[in-house]
Each structure stands twice: as structure tokens, then as C-alpha cells.
Amino acid sequence: MKENDVVFAPVTGKQCERVEELFGADSEDLWILGDSATRIKHNGEFVYESLLSNKLGLEIIRVLEEISLDYTIIACTRSRAVIKNNISEVM
């Protein structure tokens, strides 16, 4: 791709670090649009982040739980993803 001046940019809901793990050494020079495109990473450095405040994130979770509990809520932070502890491990 480099020889043809093509830049590959994986876009995914996965965390940027997970994308780097999946691509391994091939992740160099990639523009990774991870975390549902709220974070962009290039050559191991974040060049863009658009994150919610914890207060707003907790409010969104509260409202979602009021609407229904028929879905799994996964909250992502800069360092990890968190699933509520009331989620059954058996599906």
C-alpha cells in the first residue's frame, strides 16, 4: 500500500489498543479510528479524542436502564471497557 501511496485506516467500535493488538507490527502508519471513532490514533499516539464526561456518561446509562434492561451496556474509558456486574455470563 505504501508503494501506491495508499493509507489504510481501520474504523471500528473496538478500542484502539485492541486494533493495534490485532494488526501487530502492521499497525505502524495506520490511522486507527477506534472506540466508535471517538478516538483516532496514529503511530501509537492519540491525535484526536472526543470523550463524554463521566457525569454525562452515567446519566446516559441511568436513562438507558430506565427504558429497558434488555440490552448490555458497555462503558468504555481511556484504559478499559466496563460491563455492569448484573449481566449474566450465560447467554
N, C-alpha and C. Protein backbone atom coordinates (compact mmCIF):
# COMPACT_ATOMS: atom_id res chain seq x y z
N MET A 1 0.82 -1.19 0.00
CA MET A 1 0.00 0.00 0.00
C MET A 1 0.87 1.26 0.00
N LYS A 2 1.96 1.22 0.79
CA LYS A 2 2.84 2.39 0.83
C LYS A 2 3.37 2.75 -0.55
N GLU A 3 3.73 1.70 -1.29
CA GLU A 3 4.29 1.93 -2.63
C GLU A 3 3.30 2.65 -3.54
N ASN A 4 2.01 2.47 -3.28
CA ASN A 4 0.97 3.10 -4.09
C ASN A 4 0.36 4.32 -3.41
N ASP A 5 1.01 4.83 -2.38
CA ASP A 5 0.53 5.98 -1.62
C ASP A 5 -0.89 5.78 -1.08
N VAL A 6 -1.17 4.56 -0.62
CA VAL A 6 -2.46 4.24 -0.02
C VAL A 6 -2.27 4.16 1.49
N VAL A 7 -3.15 4.83 2.22
CA VAL A 7 -3.12 4.79 3.68
C VAL A 7 -4.34 4.02 4.15
N PHE A 8 -4.12 3.00 4.96
CA PHE A 8 -5.22 2.19 5.47
C PHE A 8 -5.64 2.72 6.83
N ALA A 9 -6.95 2.90 7.02
CA ALA A 9 -7.48 3.42 8.28
C ALA A 9 -8.63 2.54 8.74
N PRO A 10 -8.35 1.56 9.63
CA PRO A 10 -9.44 0.74 10.15
C PRO A 10 -10.37 1.58 11.02
N VAL A 11 -11.67 1.43 10.80
CA VAL A 11 -12.69 2.14 11.57
C VAL A 11 -13.51 1.08 12.29
N THR A 12 -13.57 1.17 13.62
CA THR A 12 -14.21 0.11 14.37
C THR A 12 -14.73 0.63 15.72
N GLY A 13 -15.61 -0.11 16.30
CA GLY A 13 -16.08 0.17 17.65
C GLY A 13 -15.11 -0.33 18.70
N LYS A 14 -14.13 -1.12 18.27
CA LYS A 14 -13.14 -1.65 19.22
C LYS A 14 -12.24 -0.54 19.73
N GLN A 15 -11.66 -0.78 20.91
CA GLN A 15 -10.71 0.19 21.44
C GLN A 15 -9.45 0.17 20.58
N CYS A 16 -8.83 1.34 20.44
CA CYS A 16 -7.65 1.49 19.59
C CYS A 16 -6.57 0.47 19.94
N GLU A 17 -6.37 0.25 21.22
CA GLU A 17 -5.32 -0.68 21.66
C GLU A 17 -5.61 -2.09 21.16
N ARG A 18 -6.88 -2.48 21.12
CA ARG A 18 -7.24 -3.81 20.62
C ARG A 18 -6.94 -3.91 19.12
N VAL A 19 -7.19 -2.84 18.39
CA VAL A 19 -6.89 -2.84 16.96
C VAL A 19 -5.39 -2.98 16.75
N GLU A 20 -4.60 -2.28 17.57
CA GLU A 20 -3.14 -2.41 17.48
C GLU A 20 -2.71 -3.85 17.76
N GLU A 21 -3.35 -4.50 18.74
CA GLU A 21 -3.04 -5.91 19.04
C GLU A 21 -3.35 -6.79 17.83
N LEU A 22 -4.50 -6.56 17.22
CA LEU A 22 -4.92 -7.39 16.09
C LEU A 22 -3.98 -7.25 14.89
N PHE A 23 -3.52 -6.03 14.62
CA PHE A 23 -2.65 -5.80 13.47
C PHE A 23 -1.18 -6.02 13.79
N GLY A 24 -0.82 -6.01 15.07
CA GLY A 24 0.57 -6.23 15.47
C GLY A 24 1.50 -5.20 14.86
N ALA A 25 2.63 -5.66 14.35
CA ALA A 25 3.63 -4.75 13.75
C ALA A 25 3.06 -4.01 12.54
N ASP A 26 2.03 -4.57 11.91
CA ASP A 26 1.42 -3.91 10.76
C ASP A 26 0.59 -2.69 11.14
N SER A 27 0.44 -2.42 12.44
CA SER A 27 -0.35 -1.25 12.86
C SER A 27 0.43 0.06 12.71
N GLU A 28 1.74 -0.04 12.48
CA GLU A 28 2.52 1.19 12.24
C GLU A 28 2.00 1.90 11.00
N ASP A 29 1.92 3.18 11.08
CA ASP A 29 1.46 4.04 9.99
C ASP A 29 -0.04 3.96 9.72
N LEU A 30 -0.78 3.12 10.47
CA LEU A 30 -2.23 3.09 10.30
C LEU A 30 -2.85 4.28 11.03
N TRP A 31 -3.90 4.80 10.49
CA TRP A 31 -4.74 5.76 11.19
C TRP A 31 -5.88 4.94 11.76
N ILE A 32 -5.88 4.71 13.06
CA ILE A 32 -6.88 3.85 13.70
C ILE A 32 -8.01 4.71 14.25
N LEU A 33 -9.20 4.53 13.70
CA LEU A 33 -10.38 5.22 14.19
C LEU A 33 -11.13 4.22 15.06
N GLY A 34 -10.80 4.21 16.34
CA GLY A 34 -11.33 3.23 17.26
C GLY A 34 -12.36 3.83 18.20
N ASP A 35 -12.82 2.98 19.11
CA ASP A 35 -13.79 3.41 20.12
C ASP A 35 -14.97 4.12 19.45
N SER A 36 -15.50 3.49 18.39
CA SER A 36 -16.60 4.06 17.60
C SER A 36 -16.25 5.43 17.05
N ALA A 37 -15.01 5.58 16.63
CA ALA A 37 -14.47 6.80 16.01
C ALA A 37 -14.43 7.99 16.95
N THR A 38 -14.44 7.74 18.27
CA THR A 38 -14.28 8.85 19.22
C THR A 38 -12.80 9.09 19.54
N ARG A 39 -11.95 8.18 19.08
CA ARG A 39 -10.51 8.33 19.30
C ARG A 39 -9.78 7.94 18.02
N ILE A 40 -8.81 8.74 17.63
CA ILE A 40 -8.01 8.45 16.44
C ILE A 40 -6.55 8.37 16.87
N LYS A 41 -5.92 7.29 16.47
CA LYS A 41 -4.54 7.04 16.87
C LYS A 41 -3.68 6.82 15.64
N HIS A 42 -2.48 7.41 15.65
CA HIS A 42 -1.55 7.24 14.53
C HIS A 42 -0.16 7.05 15.10
N ASN A 43 0.50 5.98 14.68
CA ASN A 43 1.85 5.66 15.17
C ASN A 43 1.94 5.67 16.69
N GLY A 44 0.94 5.07 17.35
CA GLY A 44 0.97 4.92 18.80
C GLY A 44 0.55 6.14 19.60
N GLU A 45 0.20 7.23 18.93
CA GLU A 45 -0.18 8.46 19.63
C GLU A 45 -1.61 8.84 19.29
N PHE A 46 -2.36 9.27 20.29
CA PHE A 46 -3.70 9.77 20.04
C PHE A 46 -3.61 11.16 19.43
N VAL A 47 -4.25 11.34 18.28
CA VAL A 47 -4.24 12.64 17.62
C VAL A 47 -5.61 13.32 17.74
N TYR A 48 -6.61 12.55 18.21
CA TYR A 48 -7.95 13.11 18.38
C TYR A 48 -8.70 12.28 19.41
N GLU A 49 -9.42 12.96 20.30
CA GLU A 49 -10.31 12.30 21.25
C GLU A 49 -11.55 13.17 21.44
N SER A 50 -12.70 12.53 21.42
CA SER A 50 -13.95 13.22 21.71
C SER A 50 -14.71 12.35 22.69
N LEU A 51 -14.43 12.56 23.96
CA LEU A 51 -14.97 11.70 25.02
C LEU A 51 -16.04 12.42 25.82
N LEU A 52 -16.97 11.65 26.35
CA LEU A 52 -18.00 12.20 27.23
C LEU A 52 -17.44 12.34 28.64
N SER A 53 -17.97 13.29 29.38
CA SER A 53 -17.59 13.39 30.79
C SER A 53 -18.21 12.21 31.53
N ASN A 54 -17.61 11.82 32.65
CA ASN A 54 -18.16 10.73 33.45
C ASN A 54 -19.59 11.04 33.88
N LYS A 55 -19.83 12.28 34.25
CA LYS A 55 -21.18 12.68 34.70
C LYS A 55 -22.21 12.43 33.60
N LEU A 56 -21.91 12.86 32.38
CA LEU A 56 -22.84 12.66 31.27
C LEU A 56 -22.98 11.17 30.95
N GLY A 57 -21.88 10.44 30.96
CA GLY A 57 -21.93 9.00 30.69
C GLY A 57 -22.81 8.27 31.69
N LEU A 58 -22.67 8.60 32.97
CA LEU A 58 -23.51 7.97 33.99
C LEU A 58 -24.97 8.33 33.82
N GLU A 59 -25.25 9.57 33.41
CA GLU A 59 -26.64 9.98 33.17
C GLU A 59 -27.24 9.21 32.00
N ILE A 60 -26.47 9.02 30.95
CA ILE A 60 -26.94 8.25 29.80
C ILE A 60 -27.24 6.81 30.21
N ILE A 61 -26.36 6.21 30.99
CA ILE A 61 -26.58 4.84 31.48
C ILE A 61 -27.84 4.78 32.33
N ARG A 62 -28.05 5.77 33.20
CA ARG A 62 -29.24 5.79 34.05
C ARG A 62 -30.51 5.82 33.19
N VAL A 63 -30.53 6.68 32.19
CA VAL A 63 -31.70 6.79 31.31
C VAL A 63 -31.92 5.50 30.53
N LEU A 64 -30.86 4.92 30.01
CA LEU A 64 -30.99 3.66 29.28
C LEU A 64 -31.56 2.56 30.16
N GLU A 65 -31.12 2.51 31.42
CA GLU A 65 -31.63 1.49 32.34
C GLU A 65 -33.10 1.72 32.67
N GLU A 66 -33.53 2.96 32.70
CA GLU A 66 -34.94 3.26 32.93
C GLU A 66 -35.81 2.78 31.76
N ILE A 67 -35.26 2.88 30.56
CA ILE A 67 -36.01 2.49 29.37
C ILE A 67 -36.18 0.97 29.31
N SER A 68 -35.09 0.24 29.52
CA SER A 68 -35.13 -1.21 29.39
C SER A 68 -33.84 -1.82 29.90
N LEU A 69 -33.93 -3.07 30.31
CA LEU A 69 -32.72 -3.81 30.69
C LEU A 69 -32.49 -4.97 29.74
N ASP A 70 -33.05 -4.90 28.55
CA ASP A 70 -32.95 -5.98 27.57
C ASP A 70 -31.68 -5.90 26.73
N TYR A 71 -30.75 -5.07 27.10
CA TYR A 71 -29.52 -4.94 26.33
C TYR A 71 -28.36 -4.79 27.29
N THR A 72 -27.17 -4.99 26.77
CA THR A 72 -25.96 -4.89 27.57
C THR A 72 -25.34 -3.51 27.38
N ILE A 73 -25.06 -2.86 28.48
CA ILE A 73 -24.41 -1.54 28.44
C ILE A 73 -22.93 -1.74 28.72
N ILE A 74 -22.11 -1.30 27.80
CA ILE A 74 -20.66 -1.37 27.97
C ILE A 74 -20.13 0.06 27.96
N ALA A 75 -19.54 0.47 29.06
CA ALA A 75 -18.96 1.81 29.16
C ALA A 75 -17.46 1.70 28.94
N CYS A 76 -16.96 2.51 28.02
CA CYS A 76 -15.53 2.49 27.71
C CYS A 76 -14.86 3.74 28.26
N THR A 77 -13.71 3.55 28.88
CA THR A 77 -12.89 4.65 29.37
C THR A 77 -11.61 4.66 28.55
N ARG A 78 -10.70 5.54 28.87
CA ARG A 78 -9.42 5.57 28.15
C ARG A 78 -8.63 4.28 28.33
N SER A 79 -8.84 3.60 29.45
CA SER A 79 -8.00 2.44 29.72
C SER A 79 -8.71 1.09 29.70
N ARG A 80 -10.05 1.09 29.69
CA ARG A 80 -10.74 -0.21 29.74
C ARG A 80 -12.20 -0.08 29.35
N ALA A 81 -12.82 -1.23 29.16
CA ALA A 81 -14.26 -1.30 28.93
C ALA A 81 -14.88 -1.94 30.17
N VAL A 82 -16.03 -1.44 30.59
CA VAL A 82 -16.68 -1.91 31.80
C VAL A 82 -18.09 -2.39 31.46
N ILE A 83 -18.42 -3.59 31.93
CA ILE A 83 -19.77 -4.14 31.77
C ILE A 83 -20.38 -4.22 33.17
N LYS A 84 -21.64 -3.79 33.30
CA LYS A 84 -22.29 -3.85 34.62
C LYS A 84 -22.24 -5.26 35.19
N ASN A 85 -22.10 -5.38 36.51
CA ASN A 85 -21.93 -6.69 37.13
C ASN A 85 -23.23 -7.49 37.22
N ASN A 86 -24.37 -6.92 36.81
CA ASN A 86 -25.61 -7.68 36.86
C ASN A 86 -25.90 -8.40 35.55
N ILE A 87 -24.92 -8.47 34.65
CA ILE A 87 -25.08 -9.13 33.37
C ILE A 87 -24.76 -10.62 33.55
N SER A 88 -25.65 -11.47 33.08
CA SER A 88 -25.44 -12.90 33.17
C SER A 88 -24.31 -13.32 32.27
N GLU A 89 -23.49 -14.25 32.73
CA GLU A 89 -22.40 -14.77 31.90
C GLU A 89 -22.92 -15.84 30.95
N VAL A 90 -24.14 -16.31 31.19
CA VAL A 90 -24.75 -17.33 30.33
C VAL A 90 -25.72 -16.64 29.41
N MET A 91 -25.56 -16.84 28.11
CA MET A 91 -26.47 -16.20 27.14
C MET A 91 -27.32 -17.25 26.49
